[in-house]
Amino acid sequence: MLMTKKLAIFLFLVASACTTAAPTKGIIAKNPAPTIAPPNQEAALVRNLLITLQRRSIAQGVEFCGFVGTDRTGRLVLSEPVRGDQASCRPRAPQNIQIITASYHTHGGYSPDYLGELPSPEDVAGDREMGINGYVSTPGGRFWFIDSAAGQLMQICGFGCLPNDARFQRGGDGPIAASYSFATLIRRHAG
């Protein structure tokens, strides 16, 4: 099922203030089929961006975010990253993306007061409402994939696979599983 950009924006804003704000003006979001694993080319493109973006995010203590999708020729592309604040980020409508397939964002620098090693329920809700998947990097250097249609999230790679915050306290967020269902994630964040 395809969504218009305006509907996607409305649904996202209602669902979440964290990860991404949906685009406007002619761009459609793709309602993905369950994949359980991220698309290889898409995940590699996002990971390459996050290797650089993660350093800025940690140094500035803020989130950065954007979208991935295809342009008018069908080529896989990323939107320009947008700087958010310590716990949220709203990207601008991407001018270079025709079909949005996923969001991406960083979780900024390490804080002992924030469960930053997992995507948040708000991250997941925003992607689900838009009908797209998502990618999240954490202060510990983890790289997560959110499979909206399957209701699952999984670590593409674990601790230290992306640049990590030197202040990060491994184990400070408790044990981190390799994957979670959305329901399990919500319970984990609730304590």
C-alpha atoms as a PDB file:
ATOM      1  CA  MET A   1       0.000   0.000   0.000  1.00  0.00           C
ATOM      2  CA  LEU A   2       1.475   3.369  -0.956  1.00  0.00           C
ATOM      3  CA  MET A   3       0.928   6.539   1.049  1.00  0.00           C
ATOM      4  CA  THR A   4       1.056  10.090  -0.170  1.00  0.00           C
ATOM      5  CA  LYS A   5       3.602  12.309   1.520  1.00  0.00           C
ATOM      6  CA  LYS A   6       1.023  14.516   3.211  1.00  0.00           C
ATOM      7  CA  LEU A   7      -0.769  11.535   4.762  1.00  0.00           C
ATOM      8  CA  ALA A   8       2.574  10.064   5.814  1.00  0.00           C
ATOM      9  CA  ILE A   9       3.553  13.351   7.489  1.00  0.00           C
ATOM     10  CA  PHE A  10       0.297  13.552   9.378  1.00  0.00           C
ATOM     11  CA  LEU A  11       0.483   9.962  10.582  1.00  0.00           C
ATOM     12  CA  PHE A  12       4.076  10.280  11.633  1.00  0.00           C
ATOM     13  CA  LEU A  13       3.593  13.505  13.558  1.00  0.00           C
ATOM     14  CA  VAL A  14       0.660  11.965  15.394  1.00  0.00           C
ATOM     15  CA  ALA A  15       2.678   8.843  16.239  1.00  0.00           C
ATOM     16  CA  SER A  16       6.041  10.233  17.240  1.00  0.00           C
ATOM     17  CA  ALA A  17       8.159  13.223  18.053  1.00  0.00           C
ATOM     18  CA  CYS A  18      11.434  11.358  17.841  1.00  0.00           C
ATOM     19  CA  THR A  19      12.790   9.723  14.733  1.00  0.00           C
ATOM     20  CA  THR A  20      11.564  11.266  11.535  1.00  0.00           C
ATOM     21  CA  ALA A  21       8.988  13.635  10.189  1.00  0.00           C
ATOM     22  CA  ALA A  22       7.399  12.431   6.996  1.00  0.00           C
ATOM     23  CA  PRO A  23       7.977  14.284   3.779  1.00  0.00           C
ATOM     24  CA  THR A  24       5.599  16.336   1.705  1.00  0.00           C
ATOM     25  CA  LYS A  25       5.052  17.166  -1.979  1.00  0.00           C
ATOM     26  CA  GLY A  26       4.784  14.190  -4.299  1.00  0.00           C
ATOM     27  CA  ILE A  27       6.978  11.690  -2.471  1.00  0.00           C
ATOM     28  CA  ILE A  28       5.343   8.435  -1.532  1.00  0.00           C
ATOM     29  CA  ALA A  29       6.281   6.060   1.230  1.00  0.00           C
ATOM     30  CA  LYS A  30       6.562   2.366   0.524  1.00  0.00           C
ATOM     31  CA  ASN A  31       4.786  -0.070   2.825  1.00  0.00           C
ATOM     32  CA  PRO A  32       7.473  -2.738   2.994  1.00  0.00           C
ATOM     33  CA  ALA A  33       6.869  -6.453   2.926  1.00  0.00           C
ATOM     34  CA  PRO A  34       8.276  -8.247   5.966  1.00  0.00           C
ATOM     35  CA  THR A  35      11.963  -8.890   5.412  1.00  0.00           C
ATOM     36  CA  ILE A  36      13.335  -9.972   8.819  1.00  0.00           C
ATOM     37  CA  ALA A  37      16.751  -8.911   7.477  1.00  0.00           C
ATOM     38  CA  PRO A  38      17.604  -5.528   5.970  1.00  0.00           C
ATOM     39  CA  PRO A  39      18.082  -5.155   2.226  1.00  0.00           C
ATOM     40  CA  ASN A  40      21.867  -5.537   1.769  1.00  0.00           C
ATOM     41  CA  GLN A  41      22.478  -2.610  -0.597  1.00  0.00           C
ATOM     42  CA  GLU A  42      20.281  -0.258   1.436  1.00  0.00           C
ATOM     43  CA  ALA A  43      21.870  -1.260   4.759  1.00  0.00           C
ATOM     44  CA  ALA A  44      25.376  -0.815   3.327  1.00  0.00           C
ATOM     45  CA  LEU A  45      24.529   2.655   2.006  1.00  0.00           C
ATOM     46  CA  VAL A  46      23.098   3.753   5.365  1.00  0.00           C
ATOM     47  CA  ARG A  47      25.978   2.204   7.328  1.00  0.00           C
ATOM     48  CA  ASN A  48      28.546   4.066   5.223  1.00  0.00           C
ATOM     49  CA  LEU A  49      26.781   7.362   5.969  1.00  0.00           C
ATOM     50  CA  LEU A  50      26.453   6.552   9.673  1.00  0.00           C
ATOM     51  CA  ILE A  51      30.174   5.824  10.018  1.00  0.00           C
ATOM     52  CA  THR A  52      30.793   9.542   9.398  1.00  0.00           C
ATOM     53  CA  LEU A  53      27.574  10.905  10.889  1.00  0.00           C
ATOM     54  CA  GLN A  54      28.044   8.978  14.138  1.00  0.00           C
ATOM     55  CA  ARG A  55      31.213  10.912  14.983  1.00  0.00           C
ATOM     56  CA  ARG A  56      29.449  14.278  14.556  1.00  0.00           C
ATOM     57  CA  SER A  57      26.431  13.059  16.502  1.00  0.00           C
ATOM     58  CA  ILE A  58      28.544  11.935  19.454  1.00  0.00           C
ATOM     59  CA  ALA A  59      30.739  15.049  19.447  1.00  0.00           C
ATOM     60  CA  GLN A  60      27.733  17.391  19.366  1.00  0.00           C
ATOM     61  CA  GLY A  61      25.517  15.267  21.642  1.00  0.00           C
ATOM     62  CA  VAL A  62      22.566  15.417  19.238  1.00  0.00           C
ATOM     63  CA  GLU A  63      20.676  13.151  16.856  1.00  0.00           C
ATOM     64  CA  PHE A  64      20.977  13.354  13.078  1.00  0.00           C
ATOM     65  CA  CYS A  65      18.334  11.874  10.806  1.00  0.00           C
ATOM     66  CA  GLY A  66      17.058  11.461   7.277  1.00  0.00           C
ATOM     67  CA  PHE A  67      15.549   9.073   4.762  1.00  0.00           C
ATOM     68  CA  VAL A  68      16.690   6.442   2.294  1.00  0.00           C
ATOM     69  CA  GLY A  69      14.795   5.499  -0.834  1.00  0.00           C
ATOM     70  CA  THR A  70      14.872   5.592  -4.590  1.00  0.00           C
ATOM     71  CA  ASP A  71      15.084   8.573  -6.891  1.00  0.00           C
ATOM     72  CA  ARG A  72      13.092   9.030 -10.111  1.00  0.00           C
ATOM     73  CA  THR A  73      15.503   6.731 -11.989  1.00  0.00           C
ATOM     74  CA  GLY A  74      15.184   3.948  -9.395  1.00  0.00           C
ATOM     75  CA  ARG A  75      18.655   4.567  -7.945  1.00  0.00           C
ATOM     76  CA  LEU A  76      19.034   4.071  -4.180  1.00  0.00           C
ATOM     77  CA  VAL A  77      19.799   7.423  -2.492  1.00  0.00           C
ATOM     78  CA  LEU A  78      19.962   9.098   0.922  1.00  0.00           C
ATOM     79  CA  SER A  79      18.484  12.432   1.932  1.00  0.00           C
ATOM     80  CA  GLU A  80      20.739  15.061   3.454  1.00  0.00           C
ATOM     81  CA  PRO A  81      21.086  14.490   7.216  1.00  0.00           C
ATOM     82  CA  VAL A  82      19.287  16.960   9.470  1.00  0.00           C
ATOM     83  CA  ARG A  83      20.575  17.957  12.917  1.00  0.00           C
ATOM     84  CA  GLY A  84      18.118  17.337  15.725  1.00  0.00           C
ATOM     85  CA  ASP A  85      18.510  17.808  19.463  1.00  0.00           C
ATOM     86  CA  GLN A  86      19.586  15.508  22.281  1.00  0.00           C
ATOM     87  CA  ALA A  87      16.604  13.142  22.021  1.00  0.00           C
ATOM     88  CA  SER A  88      14.739  13.883  18.786  1.00  0.00           C
ATOM     89  CA  CYS A  89      15.143  14.698  15.123  1.00  0.00           C
ATOM     90  CA  ARG A  90      12.794  15.712  12.306  1.00  0.00           C
ATOM     91  CA  PRO A  91      14.250  15.554   8.798  1.00  0.00           C
ATOM     92  CA  ARG A  92      13.158  17.848   6.011  1.00  0.00           C
ATOM     93  CA  ALA A  93      11.220  16.576   3.039  1.00  0.00           C
ATOM     94  CA  PRO A  94      13.815  14.975   0.776  1.00  0.00           C
ATOM     95  CA  GLN A  95      13.946  16.554  -2.659  1.00  0.00           C
ATOM     96  CA  ASN A  96      16.021  13.733  -4.126  1.00  0.00           C
ATOM     97  CA  ILE A  97      13.833  10.775  -3.084  1.00  0.00           C
ATOM     98  CA  GLN A  98      10.774   9.644  -5.039  1.00  0.00           C
ATOM     99  CA  ILE A  99       9.931   6.584  -2.927  1.00  0.00           C
ATOM    100  CA  ILE A 100      10.961   6.480   0.735  1.00  0.00           C
ATOM    101  CA  THR A 101      11.817   2.993   1.960  1.00  0.00           C
ATOM    102  CA  ALA A 102      13.371   3.711   5.377  1.00  0.00           C
ATOM    103  CA  SER A 103      14.434   6.340   7.876  1.00  0.00           C
ATOM    104  CA  TYR A 104      17.850   6.599   9.489  1.00  0.00           C
ATOM    105  CA  HIS A 105      19.022   8.351  12.619  1.00  0.00           C
ATOM    106  CA  THR A 106      21.707   8.439  15.274  1.00  0.00           C
ATOM    107  CA  HIS A 107      21.147   8.424  19.011  1.00  0.00           C
ATOM    108  CA  GLY A 108      23.806  11.015  19.789  1.00  0.00           C
ATOM    109  CA  GLY A 109      26.273  10.825  22.652  1.00  0.00           C
ATOM    110  CA  TYR A 110      26.166   8.524  25.661  1.00  0.00           C
ATOM    111  CA  SER A 111      24.027   9.461  28.662  1.00  0.00           C
ATOM    112  CA  PRO A 112      23.525   7.223  31.711  1.00  0.00           C
ATOM    113  CA  ASP A 113      20.006   8.697  31.971  1.00  0.00           C
ATOM    114  CA  TYR A 114      18.861   7.507  28.537  1.00  0.00           C
ATOM    115  CA  LEU A 115      18.436   3.963  27.172  1.00  0.00           C
ATOM    116  CA  GLY A 116      20.302   4.817  23.991  1.00  0.00           C
ATOM    117  CA  GLU A 117      21.491   1.351  22.948  1.00  0.00           C
ATOM    118  CA  LEU A 118      18.068   0.374  21.628  1.00  0.00           C
ATOM    119  CA  PRO A 119      15.717   2.051  19.196  1.00  0.00           C
ATOM    120  CA  SER A 120      12.934   3.695  21.200  1.00  0.00           C
ATOM    121  CA  PRO A 121       9.255   2.753  20.945  1.00  0.00           C
ATOM    122  CA  GLU A 122       8.764   6.221  19.391  1.00  0.00           C
ATOM    123  CA  ASP A 123      11.376   5.421  16.727  1.00  0.00           C
ATOM    124  CA  VAL A 124       9.499   2.251  15.849  1.00  0.00           C
ATOM    125  CA  ALA A 125       6.055   3.902  15.948  1.00  0.00           C
ATOM    126  CA  GLY A 126       7.136   6.656  13.580  1.00  0.00           C
ATOM    127  CA  ASP A 127       8.471   4.193  11.021  1.00  0.00           C
ATOM    128  CA  ARG A 128       5.415   1.940  11.330  1.00  0.00           C
ATOM    129  CA  GLU A 129       3.005   4.833  10.870  1.00  0.00           C
ATOM    130  CA  MET A 130       4.835   5.869   7.708  1.00  0.00           C
ATOM    131  CA  GLY A 131       4.894   2.289   6.444  1.00  0.00           C
ATOM    132  CA  ILE A 132       8.691   2.250   6.135  1.00  0.00           C
ATOM    133  CA  ASN A 133      11.603   0.487   7.799  1.00  0.00           C
ATOM    134  CA  GLY A 134      14.266   2.194   9.872  1.00  0.00           C
ATOM    135  CA  TYR A 135      17.950   2.213  10.795  1.00  0.00           C
ATOM    136  CA  VAL A 136      19.355   3.467  14.117  1.00  0.00           C
ATOM    137  CA  SER A 137      22.931   3.873  15.360  1.00  0.00           C
ATOM    138  CA  THR A 138      23.675   4.020  19.069  1.00  0.00           C
ATOM    139  CA  PRO A 139      26.333   5.618  21.332  1.00  0.00           C
ATOM    140  CA  GLY A 140      27.894   2.167  21.754  1.00  0.00           C
ATOM    141  CA  GLY A 141      28.284   1.843  17.990  1.00  0.00           C
ATOM    142  CA  ARG A 142      25.464  -0.623  17.404  1.00  0.00           C
ATOM    143  CA  PHE A 143      23.586  -0.588  14.080  1.00  0.00           C
ATOM    144  CA  TRP A 144      19.896  -1.548  14.262  1.00  0.00           C
ATOM    145  CA  PHE A 145      17.342  -2.407  11.571  1.00  0.00           C
ATOM    146  CA  ILE A 146      13.628  -1.847  12.249  1.00  0.00           C
ATOM    147  CA  ASP A 147      11.429  -4.129  10.125  1.00  0.00           C
ATOM    148  CA  SER A 148       8.066  -2.398  10.405  1.00  0.00           C
ATOM    149  CA  ALA A 149       5.992  -4.977   8.546  1.00  0.00           C
ATOM    150  CA  ALA A 150       7.411  -7.948  10.470  1.00  0.00           C
ATOM    151  CA  GLY A 151       7.183  -6.148  13.829  1.00  0.00           C
ATOM    152  CA  GLN A 152      10.825  -6.924  14.593  1.00  0.00           C
ATOM    153  CA  LEU A 153      14.097  -5.117  15.104  1.00  0.00           C
ATOM    154  CA  MET A 154      17.546  -6.624  14.895  1.00  0.00           C
ATOM    155  CA  GLN A 155      21.156  -5.607  15.309  1.00  0.00           C
ATOM    156  CA  ILE A 156      22.860  -5.613  11.935  1.00  0.00           C
ATOM    157  CA  CYS A 157      26.103  -5.407  13.884  1.00  0.00           C
ATOM    158  CA  GLY A 158      26.805  -5.039  17.579  1.00  0.00           C
ATOM    159  CA  PHE A 159      28.900  -3.000  19.990  1.00  0.00           C
ATOM    160  CA  GLY A 160      31.656  -1.020  18.268  1.00  0.00           C
ATOM    161  CA  CYS A 161      30.768  -1.829  14.655  1.00  0.00           C
ATOM    162  CA  LEU A 162      30.190   1.911  14.138  1.00  0.00           C
ATOM    163  CA  PRO A 163      32.175   4.649  15.886  1.00  0.00           C
ATOM    164  CA  ASN A 164      31.243   4.735  19.563  1.00  0.00           C
ATOM    165  CA  ASP A 165      31.309   7.331  22.328  1.00  0.00           C
ATOM    166  CA  ALA A 166      34.432   6.996  24.521  1.00  0.00           C
ATOM    167  CA  ARG A 167      32.190   7.772  27.534  1.00  0.00           C
ATOM    168  CA  PHE A 168      29.938   4.795  26.731  1.00  0.00           C
ATOM    169  CA  GLN A 169      29.659   2.347  29.631  1.00  0.00           C
ATOM    170  CA  ARG A 170      29.247  -1.137  28.208  1.00  0.00           C
ATOM    171  CA  GLY A 171      26.531  -2.919  30.182  1.00  0.00           C
ATOM    172  CA  GLY A 172      25.142   0.393  31.493  1.00  0.00           C
ATOM    173  CA  ASP A 173      21.881  -0.223  29.624  1.00  0.00           C
ATOM    174  CA  GLY A 174      21.745  -3.822  30.829  1.00  0.00           C
ATOM    175  CA  PRO A 175      21.928  -6.784  28.500  1.00  0.00           C
ATOM    176  CA  ILE A 176      21.189  -5.959  24.864  1.00  0.00           C
ATOM    177  CA  ALA A 177      19.694  -8.801  22.816  1.00  0.00           C
ATOM    178  CA  ALA A 178      20.453  -9.296  19.125  1.00  0.00           C
ATOM    179  CA  SER A 179      16.780  -8.810  18.242  1.00  0.00           C
ATOM    180  CA  TYR A 180      13.451  -7.779  19.755  1.00  0.00           C
ATOM    181  CA  SER A 181       9.809  -7.887  18.827  1.00  0.00           C
ATOM    182  CA  PHE A 182       8.092  -4.517  19.074  1.00  0.00           C
ATOM    183  CA  ALA A 183       6.158  -5.728  22.139  1.00  0.00           C
ATOM    184  CA  THR A 184       9.373  -6.858  23.861  1.00  0.00           C
ATOM    185  CA  LEU A 185      11.040  -3.533  23.035  1.00  0.00           C
ATOM    186  CA  ILE A 186       8.182  -1.623  24.671  1.00  0.00           C
ATOM    187  CA  ARG A 187       8.429  -3.777  27.808  1.00  0.00           C
ATOM    188  CA  ARG A 188      12.217  -3.316  27.888  1.00  0.00           C
ATOM    189  CA  HIS A 189      11.873   0.479  27.759  1.00  0.00           C
ATOM    190  CA  ALA A 190       9.189   0.410  30.440  1.00  0.00           C
ATOM    191  CA  GLY A 191      11.684  -1.142  32.828  1.00  0.00           C
END
